[in-house]
Every structure is written in C-alpha cells, then in structure tokens.
N, C-alpha and C. Protein backbone atom coordinates (compact mmCIF):
# COMPACT_ATOMS: atom_id res chain seq x y z
N MET A 1 4.18 0.67 -8.15
CA MET A 1 5.11 -0.63 -8.94
C MET A 1 3.92 -0.81 -9.08
N LYS A 2 4.32 -2.21 -10.02
CA LYS A 2 3.02 -2.53 -10.98
C LYS A 2 2.77 -3.29 -10.13
N ILE A 3 1.56 -3.98 -10.87
CA ILE A 3 0.92 -5.47 -10.13
C ILE A 3 1.71 -6.59 -10.71
N SER A 4 2.24 -7.10 -11.79
CA SER A 4 3.60 -7.85 -11.79
C SER A 4 4.56 -7.72 -11.34
N GLU A 5 4.71 -6.55 -11.48
CA GLU A 5 6.13 -6.54 -10.17
C GLU A 5 5.99 -6.98 -8.44
N MET A 6 4.40 -6.92 -7.90
CA MET A 6 3.81 -7.57 -6.30
C MET A 6 3.91 -8.40 -6.54
N ARG A 7 3.44 -9.17 -7.60
CA ARG A 7 3.35 -10.53 -7.55
C ARG A 7 4.82 -11.64 -7.93
N GLU A 8 5.94 -10.62 -7.87
CA GLU A 8 7.39 -11.77 -8.16
C GLU A 8 7.24 -11.96 -6.34
N LEU A 9 6.79 -10.50 -5.85
CA LEU A 9 7.55 -10.89 -4.03
C LEU A 9 6.96 -11.95 -3.74
N SER A 10 7.24 -11.80 -2.53
CA SER A 10 6.94 -12.99 -1.47
C SER A 10 5.46 -11.68 -0.45
N VAL A 11 5.15 -13.02 0.04
CA VAL A 11 4.37 -12.16 1.55
C VAL A 11 5.11 -11.58 2.41
N ASP A 12 5.16 -11.53 2.84
CA ASP A 12 6.90 -11.79 3.95
C ASP A 12 6.75 -9.71 2.64
N GLU A 13 7.08 -10.51 2.15
CA GLU A 13 8.09 -9.01 1.06
C GLU A 13 6.77 -7.72 1.16
N LEU A 14 5.64 -8.03 0.78
CA LEU A 14 4.45 -7.34 0.61
C LEU A 14 3.76 -7.16 1.35
N SER A 15 4.40 -7.68 2.87
CA SER A 15 3.60 -6.98 4.20
C SER A 15 4.03 -6.39 4.34
N GLY A 16 5.63 -6.32 4.63
CA GLY A 16 6.39 -5.11 4.81
C GLY A 16 6.24 -3.92 4.15
N LYS A 17 5.83 -3.83 2.72
CA LYS A 17 5.08 -2.92 2.35
C LYS A 17 4.08 -2.46 2.72
N VAL A 18 3.05 -2.85 3.30
CA VAL A 18 1.94 -2.84 3.13
C VAL A 18 1.83 -1.89 4.62
N VAL A 19 2.99 -2.00 5.70
CA VAL A 19 3.25 -1.77 7.08
C VAL A 19 4.03 -0.44 6.74
N ASP A 20 5.14 -0.32 5.51
CA ASP A 20 5.73 1.10 5.52
C ASP A 20 4.89 2.16 4.26
N MET A 21 3.19 1.27 3.71
CA MET A 21 3.04 2.38 3.16
C MET A 21 1.88 2.77 4.08
N SER A 22 1.16 2.16 4.59
CA SER A 22 0.42 2.43 5.97
C SER A 22 0.97 3.73 7.23
N GLU A 23 2.23 3.97 7.11
CA GLU A 23 2.82 4.82 7.88
C GLU A 23 2.96 5.62 7.19
N GLU A 24 3.02 5.76 5.62
CA GLU A 24 2.99 6.84 4.87
C GLU A 24 2.06 7.30 5.28
N LEU A 25 1.10 6.30 5.27
CA LEU A 25 -0.23 7.61 4.69
C LEU A 25 -1.22 7.94 5.72
N PHE A 26 -0.77 6.88 7.13
CA PHE A 26 -0.65 8.21 8.26
C PHE A 26 0.08 9.48 8.46
N LYS A 27 1.23 9.16 7.98
CA LYS A 27 1.70 10.81 7.79
C LYS A 27 0.96 11.96 6.94
N LEU A 28 0.39 11.22 5.71
CA LEU A 28 -0.05 12.25 4.45
C LEU A 28 -1.35 12.19 5.03
N ARG A 29 -2.22 11.52 5.77
CA ARG A 29 -3.22 12.16 7.04
C ARG A 29 -2.94 13.05 7.97
N PHE A 30 -2.46 12.61 8.62
CA PHE A 30 -1.89 13.53 9.47
C PHE A 30 -1.59 15.00 8.78
N GLN A 31 -0.58 15.85 7.27
CA GLN A 31 0.25 16.45 7.32
C GLN A 31 -1.55 17.35 6.59
N ASN A 32 -2.52 16.13 6.01
CA ASN A 32 -3.47 16.80 5.09
C ASN A 32 -4.96 17.70 6.28
N GLY A 33 -4.49 17.17 7.97
CA GLY A 33 -5.16 17.04 9.44
C GLY A 33 -4.96 18.87 9.52
N ILE A 34 -3.78 19.01 8.99
CA ILE A 34 -3.31 20.44 9.59
C ILE A 34 -3.15 21.32 8.35
N ARG A 35 -3.25 20.74 7.27
CA ARG A 35 -2.81 21.81 6.09
C ARG A 35 -2.15 21.97 5.16
N GLN A 36 -0.88 20.72 5.54
CA GLN A 36 0.26 21.39 4.84
C GLN A 36 0.68 19.91 3.56
N LEU A 37 -0.53 19.39 3.88
CA LEU A 37 -0.21 18.67 2.20
C LEU A 37 -0.90 19.43 0.98
N GLU A 38 1.33 19.59 0.17
CA GLU A 38 -0.01 20.20 -0.73
C GLU A 38 -1.25 19.28 -1.97
N SER A 39 -0.66 18.40 -2.55
CA SER A 39 -1.88 17.40 -3.21
C SER A 39 -2.45 16.20 -2.71
N THR A 40 -3.46 16.25 -2.06
CA THR A 40 -4.26 15.68 -2.07
C THR A 40 -4.95 13.72 -2.36
N ALA A 41 -4.51 13.73 -3.80
CA ALA A 41 -4.20 13.05 -4.12
C ALA A 41 -3.25 12.38 -3.55
N LYS A 42 -2.15 12.20 -3.37
CA LYS A 42 -1.74 11.32 -2.93
C LYS A 42 -2.37 10.57 -1.67
N LEU A 43 -3.15 11.00 -0.92
CA LEU A 43 -3.60 10.33 -0.01
C LEU A 43 -4.64 8.99 -0.58
N LYS A 44 -5.51 9.39 -2.31
CA LYS A 44 -5.79 8.55 -2.97
C LYS A 44 -5.22 6.96 -3.67
N ASN A 45 -4.19 8.13 -3.76
CA ASN A 45 -2.91 6.49 -4.71
C ASN A 45 -2.46 5.15 -3.83
N ILE A 46 -2.17 6.22 -2.50
CA ILE A 46 -1.56 5.36 -1.52
C ILE A 46 -2.44 4.63 -0.77
N ARG A 47 -3.87 5.05 -0.22
CA ARG A 47 -4.57 3.91 -0.62
C ARG A 47 -5.17 3.10 -1.88
N LYS A 48 -4.81 3.17 -2.77
CA LYS A 48 -4.72 2.51 -3.77
C LYS A 48 -3.83 1.03 -3.94
N ASN A 49 -2.58 1.77 -3.78
CA ASN A 49 -1.91 0.72 -3.65
C ASN A 49 -1.38 -0.23 -2.18
N ILE A 50 -2.34 -0.13 -1.18
CA ILE A 50 -2.40 -0.33 -0.27
C ILE A 50 -3.23 -2.28 -0.90
N ALA A 51 -4.47 -1.12 -0.97
CA ALA A 51 -5.81 -2.32 -1.35
C ALA A 51 -4.80 -3.31 -2.72
N ARG A 52 -4.24 -3.07 -3.35
CA ARG A 52 -3.49 -3.96 -4.48
C ARG A 52 -2.04 -4.78 -3.53
N VAL A 53 -1.37 -4.31 -3.19
CA VAL A 53 -0.91 -5.82 -2.57
C VAL A 53 -1.46 -5.88 -2.13
N LYS A 54 -2.51 -5.59 -1.18
CA LYS A 54 -3.21 -6.81 0.19
C LYS A 54 -4.09 -8.34 -1.05
N THR A 55 -4.68 -7.70 -2.05
CA THR A 55 -5.26 -8.26 -2.89
C THR A 55 -4.30 -9.53 -3.22
N VAL A 56 -2.90 -9.08 -3.77
CA VAL A 56 -1.83 -10.02 -4.57
C VAL A 56 -2.21 -10.60 -3.08
N ILE A 57 -1.68 -10.72 -1.89
CA ILE A 57 -1.63 -11.52 -0.35
C ILE A 57 -2.42 -12.27 -0.81
N SER A 58 -3.36 -12.00 -0.98
CA SER A 58 -4.75 -12.63 -0.81
C SER A 58 -4.83 -13.48 -1.93
N GLU A 59 -4.10 -13.29 -2.83
CA GLU A 59 -4.48 -14.44 -4.00
C GLU A 59 -3.03 -15.18 -3.77
N LYS A 60 -2.12 -14.94 -3.11
CA LYS A 60 -1.00 -15.88 -2.86
C LYS A 60 -1.00 -16.84 -2.29
N LYS A 61 -2.22 -16.03 -1.17
CA LYS A 61 -2.77 -17.05 0.13
C LYS A 61 -3.18 -17.97 -0.36
N ALA A 62 -4.79 -17.81 -0.92
CA ALA A 62 -5.43 -18.49 -1.79
C ALA A 62 -5.23 -19.69 -3.13
N HIS A 63 -3.85 -19.81 -3.89
CA HIS A 63 -3.37 -20.28 -4.65
C HIS A 63 -1.98 -20.76 -3.68
N ALA A 64 -1.88 -20.64 -3.05
CA ALA A 64 -0.58 -22.09 -1.87
C ALA A 64 -1.75 -22.63 -1.25
N ALA A 65 -3.54 -22.23 -1.17
CA ALA A 65 -4.02 -23.64 -0.46
C ALA A 65 -5.37 -24.57 -1.18
C-alpha cells in the first residue's frame, strides 16, 4: 500500500491496519523462529509498513490539532 493511499483512509481504518499487520508480523516471527519462513525479507517489509501507517496516523493527529 502506498503512502498516498494511506492518507486517504481515516485514523480508525489505519489503526485497524496496524493491528492486522502486527498480527501478521507475530505469525511471521513465529515461523522464522521454527525455521519455516522462506523469505525473511517479509519481516522487514511488514515492519516498514507498520512504521509508515503509524507515521500517517501521527501526521493526521498533528494536523487535526
């Protein structure tokens, strides 16, 4: 998901995405721990996406204040 698409969503929708991505990150970390994860690059991508969404959320909150 691109930043421009994220900025169109509401804060509630973005918070839901953070929860979903956090759950996916947990599952990927578990798979990595038991050596079932094929591509460890997925971990990095999910972490970056979570950071992007949190950045957009903080931008929206700062703009609203």
